[in-house]
Each structure stands twice: as structure tokens, then as C-alpha cells.
Protein backbone atom coordinates (compact mmCIF):
# COMPACT_ATOMS: atom_id res chain seq x y z
CA MET A 1 9.41 -28.99 13.71
CA ASN A 2 7.69 -31.12 16.29
CA VAL A 3 4.88 -28.81 17.41
CA PRO A 4 2.70 -30.26 20.19
CA ALA A 5 -1.06 -29.94 19.95
CA TRP A 6 -1.21 -27.57 22.93
CA ILE A 7 1.08 -25.09 21.15
CA TRP A 8 -1.18 -25.19 18.09
CA LEU A 9 -4.21 -24.59 20.31
CA ALA A 10 -2.47 -21.80 22.23
CA THR A 11 -1.39 -20.10 19.00
CA ILE A 12 -4.84 -20.28 17.43
CA GLY A 13 -6.37 -19.12 20.72
CA GLY A 14 -3.99 -16.16 20.85
CA PHE A 15 -4.87 -15.09 17.32
CA GLY A 16 -8.55 -15.55 18.17
CA LEU A 17 -8.31 -13.31 21.24
CA VAL A 18 -6.58 -10.53 19.33
CA LEU A 19 -9.15 -10.69 16.52
CA ALA A 20 -12.00 -10.76 19.05
CA LEU A 21 -10.63 -7.61 20.72
CA ASP A 22 -10.23 -6.00 17.31
CA PHE A 23 -13.81 -6.89 16.38
CA TYR A 24 -15.14 -5.56 19.71
CA LEU A 25 -13.46 -2.20 19.17
CA VAL A 26 -14.78 -1.96 15.60
CA ALA A 27 -18.35 -2.97 16.53
CA ARG A 28 -18.36 -0.61 19.52
CA ASN A 29 -17.49 2.48 17.48
CA PRO A 30 -17.99 2.05 13.69
CA ARG A 31 -16.02 4.77 11.93
CA GLU A 32 -13.05 5.37 9.70
CA PRO A 33 -9.91 5.11 11.88
CA SER A 34 -7.50 8.00 12.23
CA PHE A 35 -3.98 7.95 10.81
CA ARG A 36 -2.47 7.78 14.28
CA GLU A 37 -4.69 4.86 15.27
CA CYS A 38 -3.71 2.92 12.15
CA VAL A 39 -0.02 3.55 12.77
CA CYS A 40 -0.34 2.25 16.34
CA TRP A 41 -2.20 -0.91 15.33
CA VAL A 42 0.08 -1.72 12.37
CA SER A 43 3.13 -1.12 14.57
CA LEU A 44 1.66 -3.44 17.20
CA TYR A 45 1.04 -6.26 14.73
CA VAL A 46 4.50 -5.86 13.18
CA ALA A 47 6.04 -5.88 16.68
CA LEU A 48 4.10 -9.03 17.60
CA ALA A 49 5.33 -10.76 14.45
CA GLY A 50 8.88 -9.62 15.23
CA VAL A 51 8.71 -10.92 18.81
CA PHE A 52 7.26 -14.21 17.59
CA GLY A 53 10.04 -14.57 15.00
CA ILE A 54 12.74 -13.77 17.56
CA GLY A 55 11.20 -16.35 19.88
CA LEU A 56 11.47 -18.93 17.08
CA LEU A 57 15.12 -17.97 16.57
CA VAL A 58 15.83 -18.59 20.26
CA VAL A 59 13.75 -21.76 20.67
CA SER A 60 13.98 -23.46 17.26
CA GLY A 61 17.15 -22.01 15.77
CA ALA A 62 18.14 -19.71 12.92
CA GLN A 63 16.74 -21.97 10.19
CA HIS A 64 13.13 -21.96 11.39
CA GLY A 65 13.31 -18.34 12.55
CA GLY A 66 14.62 -17.25 9.16
CA GLU A 67 11.94 -19.28 7.38
CA PHE A 68 9.23 -17.52 9.40
CA PHE A 69 10.57 -14.04 8.65
CA ALA A 70 11.00 -14.83 4.94
CA GLY A 71 7.48 -16.26 4.76
CA TRP A 72 5.91 -13.44 6.76
CA ILE A 73 7.57 -10.68 4.69
CA THR A 74 6.54 -12.40 1.46
CA GLU A 75 2.93 -12.90 2.60
CA TYR A 76 2.74 -9.34 3.95
CA SER A 77 3.99 -7.93 0.65
CA LEU A 78 1.50 -10.00 -1.34
CA SER A 79 -1.24 -8.79 1.04
CA VAL A 80 -0.32 -5.17 0.32
CA ASP A 81 -0.73 -5.89 -3.38
CA ASN A 82 -4.15 -7.39 -2.60
CA LEU A 83 -5.26 -4.09 -1.09
CA PHE A 84 -5.64 -2.73 -4.62
CA VAL A 85 -8.42 -5.24 -5.23
CA PHE A 86 -9.98 -4.56 -1.82
CA LEU A 87 -10.22 -0.89 -2.83
CA LEU A 88 -11.99 -1.93 -6.03
CA ILE A 89 -14.43 -4.11 -4.08
CA MET A 90 -15.22 -1.29 -1.65
CA SER A 91 -15.90 1.07 -4.54
CA ARG A 92 -17.86 -1.53 -6.51
CA PHE A 93 -20.28 -2.15 -3.61
CA ARG A 94 -20.28 1.49 -2.42
CA VAL A 95 -19.54 0.50 1.16
CA PRO A 96 -20.22 3.37 3.61
CA ARG A 97 -16.91 4.64 4.97
CA GLU A 98 -17.93 4.14 8.60
CA HIS A 99 -18.53 0.42 7.98
CA ARG A 100 -15.42 -0.39 5.97
CA GLN A 101 -13.51 -1.49 9.07
CA LYS A 102 -16.13 -4.11 9.88
CA VAL A 103 -16.27 -5.38 6.30
CA LEU A 104 -12.50 -5.77 6.13
CA LEU A 105 -12.23 -7.45 9.53
CA ILE A 106 -14.93 -10.04 8.88
CA GLY A 107 -13.56 -10.67 5.40
CA ILE A 108 -10.07 -11.19 6.81
CA ILE A 109 -11.38 -13.60 9.47
CA LEU A 110 -13.16 -15.61 6.75
CA ALA A 111 -9.96 -15.62 4.69
CA LEU A 112 -7.89 -16.78 7.68
CA VAL A 113 -10.26 -19.69 8.37
CA MET A 114 -10.30 -20.74 4.70
CA ARG A 115 -6.53 -20.37 4.40
CA GLY A 116 -6.11 -22.57 7.47
CA ALA A 117 -7.99 -25.35 5.70
CA PHE A 118 -6.01 -24.70 2.52
CA ILE A 119 -2.69 -24.88 4.43
CA ALA A 120 -3.69 -28.13 6.15
CA ALA A 121 -4.57 -29.72 2.81
CA GLY A 122 -1.41 -28.38 1.19
CA ALA A 123 0.84 -29.60 4.00
CA GLU A 124 -0.64 -33.08 3.78
CA ALA A 125 -0.27 -33.10 0.00
CA VAL A 126 3.38 -32.02 -0.09
CA THR A 127 4.35 -34.69 2.44
CA ARG A 128 2.79 -37.40 0.28
CA PHE A 129 3.56 -36.12 -3.23
CA ASP A 130 7.06 -34.69 -3.68
CA TRP A 131 6.38 -33.94 -7.33
CA LEU A 132 4.01 -31.15 -6.23
CA PHE A 133 7.04 -28.95 -5.65
CA TYR A 134 7.72 -29.00 -9.40
CA VAL A 135 4.10 -27.98 -9.97
CA PHE A 136 4.28 -25.21 -7.35
CA GLY A 137 7.57 -23.94 -8.78
CA ALA A 138 6.27 -23.86 -12.34
CA PHE A 139 3.05 -22.17 -11.22
CA LEU A 140 4.96 -19.43 -9.37
CA ILE A 141 7.20 -18.80 -12.38
CA TYR A 142 4.11 -18.59 -14.61
CA THR A 143 2.46 -16.18 -12.15
CA ALA A 144 5.62 -14.04 -12.09
CA TRP A 145 5.67 -13.96 -15.89
CA LYS A 146 2.05 -12.79 -15.95
CA LEU A 147 2.84 -10.02 -13.44
CA ILE A 148 5.88 -8.84 -15.40
CA GLY A 149 3.92 -8.82 -18.65
CA HIS A 150 0.91 -7.13 -17.07
CA GLU A 151 0.23 -3.83 -18.78
CA GLU A 152 -0.88 -0.99 -16.54
CA GLU A 153 -4.56 -0.55 -17.12
CA GLU A 154 -7.60 0.21 -15.03
CA ALA A 155 -8.42 -2.93 -13.09
CA GLU A 156 -11.95 -4.18 -12.72
CA PHE A 157 -13.44 -6.41 -10.08
CA SER A 158 -15.16 -9.52 -11.41
CA GLU A 159 -17.38 -11.58 -9.15
CA ASN A 160 -16.12 -15.11 -8.44
CA ILE A 161 -18.33 -18.20 -8.48
CA ALA A 162 -18.80 -18.23 -4.68
CA LEU A 163 -20.09 -14.66 -4.68
CA ARG A 164 -22.39 -15.30 -7.64
CA THR A 165 -23.79 -18.37 -5.84
CA VAL A 166 -24.53 -16.36 -2.69
CA ARG A 167 -26.28 -13.69 -4.73
CA ARG A 168 -28.37 -16.28 -6.56
CA VAL A 169 -29.35 -18.34 -3.50
CA LEU A 170 -29.94 -15.64 -0.88
CA PRO A 171 -32.45 -12.78 -1.32
CA THR A 172 -30.52 -9.52 -1.06
CA THR A 173 -31.65 -5.98 -0.34
CA ASP A 174 -30.65 -3.13 -2.65
CA THR A 175 -29.48 -0.82 0.13
CA TYR A 176 -27.39 -1.02 3.30
CA HIS A 177 -29.13 -1.12 6.68
CA GLY A 178 -26.42 0.26 8.92
CA GLY A 179 -23.94 -2.46 9.81
CA ARG A 180 -26.53 -5.27 9.79
CA LEU A 181 -25.89 -8.44 7.79
CA THR A 182 -29.56 -9.44 7.57
CA VAL A 183 -32.87 -7.59 7.81
CA HIS A 184 -36.51 -8.67 7.97
CA LEU A 185 -38.57 -7.01 5.22
CA GLY A 186 -41.58 -9.31 5.01
CA ARG A 187 -39.02 -12.11 4.84
CA ARG A 188 -35.44 -12.51 6.05
CA MET A 189 -33.00 -10.96 3.55
CA VAL A 190 -29.26 -10.40 3.54
CA THR A 191 -27.83 -6.92 3.03
CA PRO A 192 -25.00 -5.85 0.72
CA MET A 193 -22.84 -5.81 3.88
CA LEU A 194 -22.79 -9.63 3.90
CA ILE A 195 -22.21 -9.80 0.14
CA VAL A 196 -19.15 -7.55 0.28
CA MET A 197 -17.72 -9.55 3.20
CA VAL A 198 -18.05 -12.72 1.12
CA ALA A 199 -16.39 -10.87 -1.76
CA ILE A 200 -13.41 -9.86 0.40
CA GLY A 201 -13.01 -13.31 1.97
CA THR A 202 -13.34 -15.38 -1.19
CA THR A 203 -11.19 -13.00 -3.24
CA ASP A 204 -8.44 -13.28 -0.64
CA LEU A 205 -8.72 -17.07 -0.85
CA LEU A 206 -8.10 -16.82 -4.60
CA PHE A 207 -4.99 -14.79 -3.83
CA ALA A 208 -3.86 -17.69 -1.64
CA LEU A 209 -3.42 -19.73 -4.82
CA ASP A 210 -0.26 -17.65 -5.31
CA SER A 211 0.79 -17.00 -1.74
CA ILE A 212 0.43 -20.51 -0.27
CA PRO A 213 2.70 -22.16 -2.88
CA ALA A 214 5.12 -19.25 -2.42
CA ILE A 215 5.49 -19.77 1.31
CA PHE A 216 5.74 -23.56 0.89
CA GLY A 217 8.75 -22.70 -1.26
CA LEU A 218 10.35 -21.05 1.76
CA THR A 219 9.35 -23.50 4.49
CA LYS A 220 7.74 -26.94 4.62
CA GLU A 221 6.59 -26.49 8.22
CA PRO A 222 2.78 -26.13 8.48
CA TYR A 223 3.09 -24.23 11.77
CA LEU A 224 5.33 -21.59 10.18
CA VAL A 225 3.11 -21.39 7.08
CA PHE A 226 0.03 -20.78 9.23
CA THR A 227 1.58 -18.24 11.60
CA ALA A 228 3.20 -16.28 8.76
CA ASN A 229 -0.17 -16.07 6.99
CA ALA A 230 -1.99 -15.15 10.19
CA PHE A 231 0.41 -12.32 11.09
CA ALA A 232 0.27 -11.03 7.50
CA LEU A 233 -3.54 -10.92 7.52
CA MET A 234 -4.13 -9.60 11.03
CA GLY A 235 -2.89 -6.07 10.41
CA LEU A 236 -4.38 -5.81 6.94
CA ARG A 237 -7.45 -3.81 8.05
CA GLN A 238 -5.45 -0.97 9.56
CA LEU A 239 -2.93 -1.14 6.71
CA PHE A 240 -5.80 -0.59 4.26
CA PHE A 241 -6.58 2.80 5.81
CA LEU A 242 -2.95 3.66 6.54
CA ILE A 243 -1.56 3.34 3.02
CA GLY A 244 -4.75 3.71 0.99
CA GLY A 245 -3.44 6.92 -0.53
CA LEU A 246 0.02 5.43 -1.00
CA LEU A 247 -1.09 2.43 -3.07
CA ASP A 248 -1.23 4.42 -6.31
CA ARG A 249 2.39 5.49 -5.75
CA LEU A 250 3.72 1.92 -5.48
CA VAL A 251 3.81 1.61 -9.25
CA TYR A 252 6.52 -1.06 -9.34
CA LEU A 253 5.15 -3.24 -6.55
CA SER A 254 3.77 -5.90 -8.89
CA LYS A 255 7.12 -6.03 -10.70
CA GLY A 256 8.98 -6.55 -7.44
CA LEU A 257 6.55 -9.25 -6.38
CA SER A 258 7.01 -10.96 -9.74
CA VAL A 259 10.76 -11.14 -9.10
CA VAL A 260 10.14 -12.58 -5.62
CA LEU A 261 7.67 -15.19 -6.92
CA ALA A 262 9.99 -16.16 -9.78
CA PHE A 263 12.91 -16.54 -7.36
CA ILE A 264 10.85 -18.74 -5.02
CA GLY A 265 9.61 -20.80 -7.98
CA VAL A 266 13.17 -21.44 -9.17
CA LYS A 267 14.21 -22.22 -5.59
CA LEU A 268 11.42 -24.79 -5.29
CA ILE A 269 12.40 -26.56 -8.50
CA LEU A 270 16.12 -26.58 -7.62
CA GLU A 271 15.43 -28.01 -4.17
CA ALA A 272 13.13 -30.66 -5.64
CA LEU A 273 15.88 -31.64 -8.11
CA HIS A 274 18.43 -31.72 -5.27
CA HIS A 275 16.12 -33.95 -3.25
CA ASP A 276 15.78 -36.28 -6.25
CA GLY A 277 19.56 -36.69 -6.44
CA VAL A 278 20.50 -34.21 -9.18
CA SER A 279 24.07 -33.29 -8.23
CA TRP A 280 24.25 -29.87 -9.90
CA ALA A 281 21.05 -28.55 -8.27
CA PRO A 282 21.96 -26.43 -5.22
CA GLN A 283 20.01 -25.82 -2.03
CA ILE A 284 19.53 -22.09 -1.51
CA PRO A 285 20.04 -21.11 2.18
CA ILE A 286 17.13 -19.39 3.89
CA LEU A 287 19.30 -16.34 4.71
CA ALA A 288 20.00 -15.91 1.00
CA SER A 289 16.26 -16.18 0.29
CA LEU A 290 15.51 -13.60 2.98
CA GLY A 291 18.11 -11.24 1.52
CA VAL A 292 16.68 -11.52 -2.00
CA ILE A 293 13.12 -10.94 -0.78
CA VAL A 294 13.90 -7.95 1.44
CA GLY A 295 16.32 -6.43 -1.07
CA THR A 296 13.91 -6.74 -4.00
CA LEU A 297 10.99 -5.21 -2.09
CA ALA A 298 13.16 -2.38 -0.73
CA VAL A 299 14.47 -1.48 -4.20
CA THR A 300 10.95 -1.73 -5.64
CA THR A 301 9.53 0.61 -3.01
CA VAL A 302 12.30 3.21 -3.40
CA LEU A 303 12.07 3.21 -7.21
CA SER A 304 8.25 3.47 -7.02
CA LEU A 305 8.36 6.49 -4.73
CA LEU A 306 11.07 8.18 -6.82
CA LYS A 307 9.03 7.70 -10.01
CA SER A 308 5.87 8.99 -8.33
CA ALA A 309 7.75 12.06 -7.12
CA ARG A 310 9.13 12.71 -10.63
CA ASP A 311 5.68 12.28 -12.19
CA ALA A 312 4.11 14.64 -9.65
CA LYS A 313 6.79 17.26 -10.32
CA ALA A 314 6.34 16.91 -14.08
CA ALA A 315 2.58 17.31 -13.67
CA GLU A 316 3.11 20.52 -11.67
CA VAL A 317 5.38 21.92 -14.37
CA THR A 318 2.81 21.04 -17.04
CA GLU A 319 -0.03 22.69 -15.10
CA ALA A 320 2.07 25.80 -14.56
CA ALA A 321 2.89 26.01 -18.27
CA GLU A 322 -0.72 25.71 -19.46
CA PRO A 323 -1.86 29.17 -18.26
CA GLU A 324 1.17 30.72 -19.99
CA ARG A 325 0.24 29.04 -23.27
CA SER A 326 -3.35 30.24 -22.89
CA ASP A 327 -2.19 33.84 -22.34
CA SER A 328 0.07 33.72 -25.39
CA VAL A 329 -2.76 32.36 -27.56
CA GLU A 330 -5.11 35.13 -26.42
CA ARG A 331 -2.52 37.79 -27.27
């Protein structure tokens, strides 16, 4: 794609305006959003991504439009999986419920800025070093293997080096002071609000180590990589509150994502081999990739909800049987 500088500027400016409006609404009325509000915002962001993708189909053709949709769906799905860790971070830092919107929004903005730099560096690297696609492919397959082999256990949040550095360098208060990031108590100190924002932003950047190679396996166009990431991140705040109670029911999500990452990893390696002249290595069409991604995530979601429903029904039967056992024992 030959994307002029003014289109890049207009795109970044558009994302900036939407995020600025979002931030204004959050700062104006700090609270936990209602279910209806979350549905409206998530629907708006999904609709914007859909309109953008359709526009690409019309202007740039089916190939680039399909690459955007495949990348956006993959990034969005990986972002949903990341919400588990965001929940852990919120609990770990005991963030007041009325300020969780602000924490998430600022953390997402930080993540978007850092991902932009990451994407720029990655795009430059893959144009200069073709062998990186073998590395990306192997890394995605390894990540998929780790996800498949991951035993279900209670996850714990561990502070990364960036967060530990901030804690060590900046004096931090023990308690929150409303929504303020800093407070003057004899000297200027940062509040836990800033610390948790750094935690969200830097943790999301660590997640990008999986997601950025994955989307480069679907498209080599930096513009599509950036816009797919941006659309996936923009609605993450509202999605956090919308499906917070549903996350525990998506028991097979990590398994489905492992299949997607493994598929993209294999696709990357095959395309690299094809580019290097290996005759038997095929090029997988983007429509086939899109079908595998959507199909895998749909099956994963349905199976997760069915299992959760069966487990809930079994738990009800067990609870109903316990009083009967107690009565029989007493007799």
C-alpha cells in the first residue's frame, strides 16, 4: 500500500479525537458505566472498524480489506484474553470502582503509543531482514504450544521491570487521592493511580510481543497493522465492564487463541519458504486465513459457553442434593 503522509496524519488525528472525547466523558463523570452504555460504545467501535474495513475493500481491494479484518479480529480476540490480566491488576492495586474507567483509558492510550513505536520498528525490520519471518513464525508456534499446555490455575500478577523501576524511582503514597496522579504531601508524590496506569500500559506492551508478530503474519502493511491494533484497543475499556462477568465462562478462549497463533505461525513460515523459492511451500490466501480465525474463535466461544452452562447445572444439582444427604444423616 502506498499510504500518503496526510492519510497517516488524518488517521492518527481521528483516533486522537475519539480518545480525547472518551477521556473527556470519563473525567467529567467518574463512575462505573452501565451495561447499556458499554453496549453502545462497544457497538460504536465495532461499527467504526467495520466501516473502515469496508472502505478499504472499496478503495484498496479485497486483499487489503481482508487483511485488515483478519488482523483486527485476531488483535481484538487477543485483547479480550488480556482482560483477564487487567482484572488481576485492578484487584491487586485495589482500584476504586469509580476510577477504573480512567485507569483503563490512560493505560490503553499508553499502550497504543508504545505499540505504535513497536510497529514502526517491526515494519522497518521485516523489510530489511526477511529471515525475521522464520523467527516470528517459530515464536508464535512456541507461544501456541505454551497456551495449549497451560494448566488451569489461579493466575497471579507479577510486576514487570518498568513498573518496579517507577516504584523505586518515584515516591509513592500508600492510598488513593481521588483520581489524582500526584499529590503534594510535604513533597510531590505519585499516587497508586499512576502506578496502576503504568502497570496496565506496560503489561499490554508485553502482550504485544505475541500480537504484533501475529498480525505481521497476516499483513505486511504497517498502516493495516497500526489501524487493526488501534481499533482493537479503543473499545477495550467498555469491553472490560461489558464482559467482566463473562470472562470466567470463556474457559476455552486460550485454547482457541493457541490454535489461531499456531496457524499464523505456520502460515508465516510457509510464506517465507515460498518467498525463498521452495516450490512445495504454498501461499495461504487471506480469505482462508480469515475463515480459520473466525471459525476457530466461534467454535471456542460456543464450546466455552456450553461447558459453563453444564458446569452451572451440575453445581445446582450438587447443591440441591446436599440438604437431602444432611437430612438422611440426621435421621
